[in-house]
């Protein structure tokens, strides 16, 4: 896959590429920041993996033709990450899940839009994915708006999915149906 370079709303260039093992340490440092900046992610700081575990995770995604681990950089700084995960079980191999995170200081510049587009394009090109699904915290209005822009539709709600500081939040589940329907 070619490495797309895109102009953001602030005219800065964003480079998105598939993660490689040498990105592992930078990804862990990036994750330490984003999990503290927002409660929209399922992971907490205490649950982060080691760079060695991240390398194995990246290798697994690199070996797959239907899953992808994408890193968005501005110059050398990771500013966003997107993961498209497909399982190999025959009965569910037609669907994949996505997750996206962006550093807070870069919110609103179009990074989430570009990462989403790259993952949708990857899914369309792999010849297997028909449905992309995701879960989003119900109060994450900007993310929901982004997903709807791409054609994702709400297919369900998981009541009290998140428990953050003793407070419960619903998860909205959304699907994007690629070319099949």
C-alpha atoms as a PDB file:
ATOM      1  CA  UNK A   1       0.000   0.000   0.000  1.00  0.00           C
ATOM      2  CA  UNK A   2       1.305   3.422  -0.857  1.00  0.00           C
ATOM      3  CA  UNK A   3       1.794   5.879   1.962  1.00  0.00           C
ATOM      4  CA  UNK A   4      -0.802   8.622   1.587  1.00  0.00           C
ATOM      5  CA  UNK A   5       0.234  12.170   2.380  1.00  0.00           C
ATOM      6  CA  UNK A   6      -2.665  14.440   3.110  1.00  0.00           C
ATOM      7  CA  UNK A   7      -3.099  18.112   3.864  1.00  0.00           C
ATOM      8  CA  UNK A   8      -4.869  18.850   7.107  1.00  0.00           C
ATOM      9  CA  UNK A   9      -7.218  21.761   7.780  1.00  0.00           C
ATOM     10  CA  UNK A  10      -4.247  23.771   9.103  1.00  0.00           C
ATOM     11  CA  UNK A  11      -2.323  23.080   5.836  1.00  0.00           C
ATOM     12  CA  UNK A  12       0.141  20.748   7.586  1.00  0.00           C
ATOM     13  CA  UNK A  13       0.998  17.453   5.873  1.00  0.00           C
ATOM     14  CA  UNK A  14      -0.108  14.197   7.478  1.00  0.00           C
ATOM     15  CA  UNK A  15       1.637  10.972   6.490  1.00  0.00           C
ATOM     16  CA  UNK A  16      -0.228   7.716   7.122  1.00  0.00           C
ATOM     17  CA  UNK A  17       1.533   4.377   6.794  1.00  0.00           C
ATOM     18  CA  UNK A  18       1.207   0.870   8.120  1.00  0.00           C
ATOM     19  CA  UNK A  19       3.050   0.406  11.392  1.00  0.00           C
ATOM     20  CA  UNK A  20       6.383  -1.426  11.398  1.00  0.00           C
ATOM     21  CA  UNK A  21       8.242  -2.971  14.335  1.00  0.00           C
ATOM     22  CA  UNK A  22      10.482   0.074  14.698  1.00  0.00           C
ATOM     23  CA  UNK A  23       7.351   2.163  15.447  1.00  0.00           C
ATOM     24  CA  UNK A  24       6.575   0.166  18.608  1.00  0.00           C
ATOM     25  CA  UNK A  25       8.319   2.404  21.147  1.00  0.00           C
ATOM     26  CA  UNK A  26       6.833   5.578  19.609  1.00  0.00           C
ATOM     27  CA  UNK A  27       3.366   4.008  19.590  1.00  0.00           C
ATOM     28  CA  UNK A  28       3.625   3.155  23.291  1.00  0.00           C
ATOM     29  CA  UNK A  29       4.730   6.738  24.078  1.00  0.00           C
ATOM     30  CA  UNK A  30       1.829   8.043  21.966  1.00  0.00           C
ATOM     31  CA  UNK A  31      -0.619   5.760  23.797  1.00  0.00           C
ATOM     32  CA  UNK A  32       0.623   6.978  27.199  1.00  0.00           C
ATOM     33  CA  UNK A  33      -0.467  10.462  26.150  1.00  0.00           C
ATOM     34  CA  UNK A  34      -3.826   9.717  24.486  1.00  0.00           C
ATOM     35  CA  UNK A  35      -5.172   7.457  27.239  1.00  0.00           C
ATOM     36  CA  UNK A  36      -4.617  10.284  29.733  1.00  0.00           C
ATOM     37  CA  UNK A  37      -6.151  12.964  27.481  1.00  0.00           C
ATOM     38  CA  UNK A  38      -9.522  11.354  26.901  1.00  0.00           C
ATOM     39  CA  UNK A  39     -11.878   8.874  28.489  1.00  0.00           C
ATOM     40  CA  UNK A  40     -13.191   7.814  25.073  1.00  0.00           C
ATOM     41  CA  UNK A  41     -10.724   4.909  24.837  1.00  0.00           C
ATOM     42  CA  UNK A  42     -11.188   1.527  26.517  1.00  0.00           C
ATOM     43  CA  UNK A  43      -7.553   1.278  27.648  1.00  0.00           C
ATOM     44  CA  UNK A  44      -6.066   2.910  30.730  1.00  0.00           C
ATOM     45  CA  UNK A  45      -2.415   3.760  31.381  1.00  0.00           C
ATOM     46  CA  UNK A  46      -2.018   0.728  33.657  1.00  0.00           C
ATOM     47  CA  UNK A  47      -3.115  -1.566  30.813  1.00  0.00           C
ATOM     48  CA  UNK A  48      -0.586  -0.436  28.217  1.00  0.00           C
ATOM     49  CA  UNK A  49       1.670  -3.136  26.815  1.00  0.00           C
ATOM     50  CA  UNK A  50       5.455  -3.161  26.526  1.00  0.00           C
ATOM     51  CA  UNK A  51       7.297  -2.153  23.338  1.00  0.00           C
ATOM     52  CA  UNK A  52       8.174  -5.836  22.801  1.00  0.00           C
ATOM     53  CA  UNK A  53       4.515  -6.842  23.010  1.00  0.00           C
ATOM     54  CA  UNK A  54       3.664  -3.975  20.667  1.00  0.00           C
ATOM     55  CA  UNK A  55       6.248  -5.283  18.166  1.00  0.00           C
ATOM     56  CA  UNK A  56       4.517  -8.683  18.176  1.00  0.00           C
ATOM     57  CA  UNK A  57       1.153  -6.967  17.707  1.00  0.00           C
ATOM     58  CA  UNK A  58       2.529  -5.004  14.735  1.00  0.00           C
ATOM     59  CA  UNK A  59       4.034  -8.170  13.214  1.00  0.00           C
ATOM     60  CA  UNK A  60       0.666  -9.920  13.462  1.00  0.00           C
ATOM     61  CA  UNK A  61      -1.041  -7.074  11.614  1.00  0.00           C
ATOM     62  CA  UNK A  62       1.740  -6.845   9.033  1.00  0.00           C
ATOM     63  CA  UNK A  63       1.295 -10.529   8.202  1.00  0.00           C
ATOM     64  CA  UNK A  64      -2.432 -10.123   7.570  1.00  0.00           C
ATOM     65  CA  UNK A  65      -3.992  -9.191   4.244  1.00  0.00           C
ATOM     66  CA  UNK A  66      -7.289  -8.223   5.904  1.00  0.00           C
ATOM     67  CA  UNK A  67      -6.149  -6.352   9.028  1.00  0.00           C
ATOM     68  CA  UNK A  68      -4.077  -3.191   9.210  1.00  0.00           C
ATOM     69  CA  UNK A  69      -2.360  -1.064  11.844  1.00  0.00           C
ATOM     70  CA  UNK A  70      -1.983   2.523  10.622  1.00  0.00           C
ATOM     71  CA  UNK A  71       0.112   5.332  12.070  1.00  0.00           C
ATOM     72  CA  UNK A  72      -0.458   8.990  11.222  1.00  0.00           C
ATOM     73  CA  UNK A  73       2.552  11.265  11.616  1.00  0.00           C
ATOM     74  CA  UNK A  74       3.230  14.942  11.259  1.00  0.00           C
ATOM     75  CA  UNK A  75       6.941  15.054  10.580  1.00  0.00           C
ATOM     76  CA  UNK A  76       8.248  12.476  13.101  1.00  0.00           C
ATOM     77  CA  UNK A  77       5.471  12.797  15.672  1.00  0.00           C
ATOM     78  CA  UNK A  78       2.692  10.198  15.874  1.00  0.00           C
ATOM     79  CA  UNK A  79      -0.546  12.164  16.034  1.00  0.00           C
ATOM     80  CA  UNK A  80      -3.065   9.423  15.278  1.00  0.00           C
ATOM     81  CA  UNK A  81      -3.454   5.662  15.140  1.00  0.00           C
ATOM     82  CA  UNK A  82      -6.055   3.526  13.389  1.00  0.00           C
ATOM     83  CA  UNK A  83      -6.494  -0.230  13.629  1.00  0.00           C
ATOM     84  CA  UNK A  84      -8.624  -2.395  11.341  1.00  0.00           C
ATOM     85  CA  UNK A  85      -9.025  -5.880  12.838  1.00  0.00           C
ATOM     86  CA  UNK A  86     -10.449  -8.821  10.892  1.00  0.00           C
ATOM     87  CA  UNK A  87     -10.725 -12.345  12.215  1.00  0.00           C
ATOM     88  CA  UNK A  88      -9.973 -15.422  10.130  1.00  0.00           C
ATOM     89  CA  UNK A  89     -12.965 -17.505  11.269  1.00  0.00           C
ATOM     90  CA  UNK A  90     -14.883 -18.269   8.061  1.00  0.00           C
ATOM     91  CA  UNK A  91     -18.310 -17.353   9.392  1.00  0.00           C
ATOM     92  CA  UNK A  92     -17.220 -13.859  10.458  1.00  0.00           C
ATOM     93  CA  UNK A  93     -14.313 -13.214   8.092  1.00  0.00           C
ATOM     94  CA  UNK A  94     -16.483 -10.817   6.044  1.00  0.00           C
ATOM     95  CA  UNK A  95     -16.418  -8.212   8.807  1.00  0.00           C
ATOM     96  CA  UNK A  96     -13.739  -6.150  10.539  1.00  0.00           C
ATOM     97  CA  UNK A  97     -13.637  -3.730  13.459  1.00  0.00           C
ATOM     98  CA  UNK A  98     -11.937  -0.353  13.545  1.00  0.00           C
ATOM     99  CA  UNK A  99     -10.606   1.846  16.300  1.00  0.00           C
ATOM    100  CA  UNK A 100      -9.092   5.307  16.074  1.00  0.00           C
ATOM    101  CA  UNK A 101      -7.291   7.657  18.425  1.00  0.00           C
ATOM    102  CA  UNK A 102      -5.864  11.138  17.866  1.00  0.00           C
ATOM    103  CA  UNK A 103      -3.756  13.326  20.157  1.00  0.00           C
ATOM    104  CA  UNK A 104      -5.997  15.975  21.692  1.00  0.00           C
ATOM    105  CA  UNK A 105      -3.939  18.934  20.451  1.00  0.00           C
ATOM    106  CA  UNK A 106      -4.669  17.727  16.888  1.00  0.00           C
ATOM    107  CA  UNK A 107      -8.431  17.198  17.272  1.00  0.00           C
ATOM    108  CA  UNK A 108     -10.543  18.912  14.639  1.00  0.00           C
ATOM    109  CA  UNK A 109      -7.847  18.995  11.924  1.00  0.00           C
ATOM    110  CA  UNK A 110      -9.083  16.021   9.900  1.00  0.00           C
ATOM    111  CA  UNK A 111      -6.718  13.305  11.160  1.00  0.00           C
ATOM    112  CA  UNK A 112      -9.589  11.021  12.205  1.00  0.00           C
ATOM    113  CA  UNK A 113     -11.190  11.551   8.803  1.00  0.00           C
ATOM    114  CA  UNK A 114      -8.002  10.602   6.960  1.00  0.00           C
ATOM    115  CA  UNK A 115      -7.343   7.547   9.153  1.00  0.00           C
ATOM    116  CA  UNK A 116     -10.933   6.372   8.666  1.00  0.00           C
ATOM    117  CA  UNK A 117     -10.669   6.800   4.892  1.00  0.00           C
ATOM    118  CA  UNK A 118      -7.383   4.865   4.750  1.00  0.00           C
ATOM    119  CA  UNK A 119      -8.895   1.975   6.716  1.00  0.00           C
ATOM    120  CA  UNK A 120     -12.055   1.903   4.585  1.00  0.00           C
ATOM    121  CA  UNK A 121      -9.932   1.906   1.414  1.00  0.00           C
ATOM    122  CA  UNK A 122      -7.778  -0.908   2.812  1.00  0.00           C
ATOM    123  CA  UNK A 123     -10.902  -2.915   3.687  1.00  0.00           C
ATOM    124  CA  UNK A 124     -12.408  -2.395   0.217  1.00  0.00           C
ATOM    125  CA  UNK A 125      -9.163  -3.491  -1.463  1.00  0.00           C
ATOM    126  CA  UNK A 126      -8.606  -6.655   0.562  1.00  0.00           C
ATOM    127  CA  UNK A 127     -11.379  -8.491  -1.283  1.00  0.00           C
ATOM    128  CA  UNK A 128     -12.889  -9.983   1.863  1.00  0.00           C
ATOM    129  CA  UNK A 129     -14.303  -7.271   4.128  1.00  0.00           C
ATOM    130  CA  UNK A 130     -17.976  -6.472   3.567  1.00  0.00           C
ATOM    131  CA  UNK A 131     -18.848  -4.863   6.897  1.00  0.00           C
ATOM    132  CA  UNK A 132     -16.790  -2.567   9.116  1.00  0.00           C
ATOM    133  CA  UNK A 133     -18.028  -2.232  12.675  1.00  0.00           C
ATOM    134  CA  UNK A 134     -17.064  -0.105  15.636  1.00  0.00           C
ATOM    135  CA  UNK A 135     -18.098   0.874  19.115  1.00  0.00           C
ATOM    136  CA  UNK A 136     -18.130   4.479  20.281  1.00  0.00           C
ATOM    137  CA  UNK A 137     -18.851   6.053  23.657  1.00  0.00           C
ATOM    138  CA  UNK A 138     -22.353   7.510  23.371  1.00  0.00           C
ATOM    139  CA  UNK A 139     -21.281  11.007  24.438  1.00  0.00           C
ATOM    140  CA  UNK A 140     -18.429  11.200  21.896  1.00  0.00           C
ATOM    141  CA  UNK A 141     -20.484  13.346  19.538  1.00  0.00           C
ATOM    142  CA  UNK A 142     -17.628  14.389  17.233  1.00  0.00           C
ATOM    143  CA  UNK A 143     -16.617  10.756  16.623  1.00  0.00           C
ATOM    144  CA  UNK A 144     -20.231   9.744  15.944  1.00  0.00           C
ATOM    145  CA  UNK A 145     -20.539  12.636  13.480  1.00  0.00           C
ATOM    146  CA  UNK A 146     -17.316  11.494  11.747  1.00  0.00           C
ATOM    147  CA  UNK A 147     -18.533   7.910  11.394  1.00  0.00           C
ATOM    148  CA  UNK A 148     -21.942   8.994  10.074  1.00  0.00           C
ATOM    149  CA  UNK A 149     -20.161  11.140   7.479  1.00  0.00           C
ATOM    150  CA  UNK A 150     -18.660   7.924   6.083  1.00  0.00           C
ATOM    151  CA  UNK A 151     -22.010   6.124   6.070  1.00  0.00           C
ATOM    152  CA  UNK A 152     -21.783   4.193   9.331  1.00  0.00           C
ATOM    153  CA  UNK A 153     -25.210   3.507  10.804  1.00  0.00           C
ATOM    154  CA  UNK A 154     -26.156   2.791  14.401  1.00  0.00           C
ATOM    155  CA  UNK A 155     -27.044  -0.870  14.809  1.00  0.00           C
ATOM    156  CA  UNK A 156     -27.236  -1.129  18.571  1.00  0.00           C
ATOM    157  CA  UNK A 157     -26.495   0.209  21.985  1.00  0.00           C
ATOM    158  CA  UNK A 158     -24.700  -1.502  24.854  1.00  0.00           C
ATOM    159  CA  UNK A 159     -26.130   0.057  28.013  1.00  0.00           C
ATOM    160  CA  UNK A 160     -23.552   0.912  30.707  1.00  0.00           C
ATOM    161  CA  UNK A 161     -20.675  -0.490  28.607  1.00  0.00           C
ATOM    162  CA  UNK A 162     -18.110   1.927  30.066  1.00  0.00           C
ATOM    163  CA  UNK A 163     -17.594   2.537  33.770  1.00  0.00           C
ATOM    164  CA  UNK A 164     -15.365   5.562  34.319  1.00  0.00           C
ATOM    165  CA  UNK A 165     -14.796   7.003  37.786  1.00  0.00           C
ATOM    166  CA  UNK A 166     -17.938   5.285  39.051  1.00  0.00           C
ATOM    167  CA  UNK A 167     -20.142   6.652  36.243  1.00  0.00           C
ATOM    168  CA  UNK A 168     -21.672   4.534  33.480  1.00  0.00           C
ATOM    169  CA  UNK A 169     -21.769   5.367  29.769  1.00  0.00           C
ATOM    170  CA  UNK A 170     -23.444   3.569  26.889  1.00  0.00           C
ATOM    171  CA  UNK A 171     -21.597   2.340  23.818  1.00  0.00           C
ATOM    172  CA  UNK A 172     -23.157   2.849  20.409  1.00  0.00           C
ATOM    173  CA  UNK A 173     -22.347   0.113  17.912  1.00  0.00           C
ATOM    174  CA  UNK A 174     -22.167   1.170  14.270  1.00  0.00           C
ATOM    175  CA  UNK A 175     -21.675  -0.626  10.961  1.00  0.00           C
ATOM    176  CA  UNK A 176     -20.545   0.429   7.515  1.00  0.00           C
ATOM    177  CA  UNK A 177     -21.717  -1.878   4.740  1.00  0.00           C
ATOM    178  CA  UNK A 178     -19.192  -1.914   1.906  1.00  0.00           C
ATOM    179  CA  UNK A 179     -20.485  -2.309  -1.652  1.00  0.00           C
ATOM    180  CA  UNK A 180     -22.491  -5.432  -0.862  1.00  0.00           C
ATOM    181  CA  UNK A 181     -25.767  -3.790   0.043  1.00  0.00           C
END
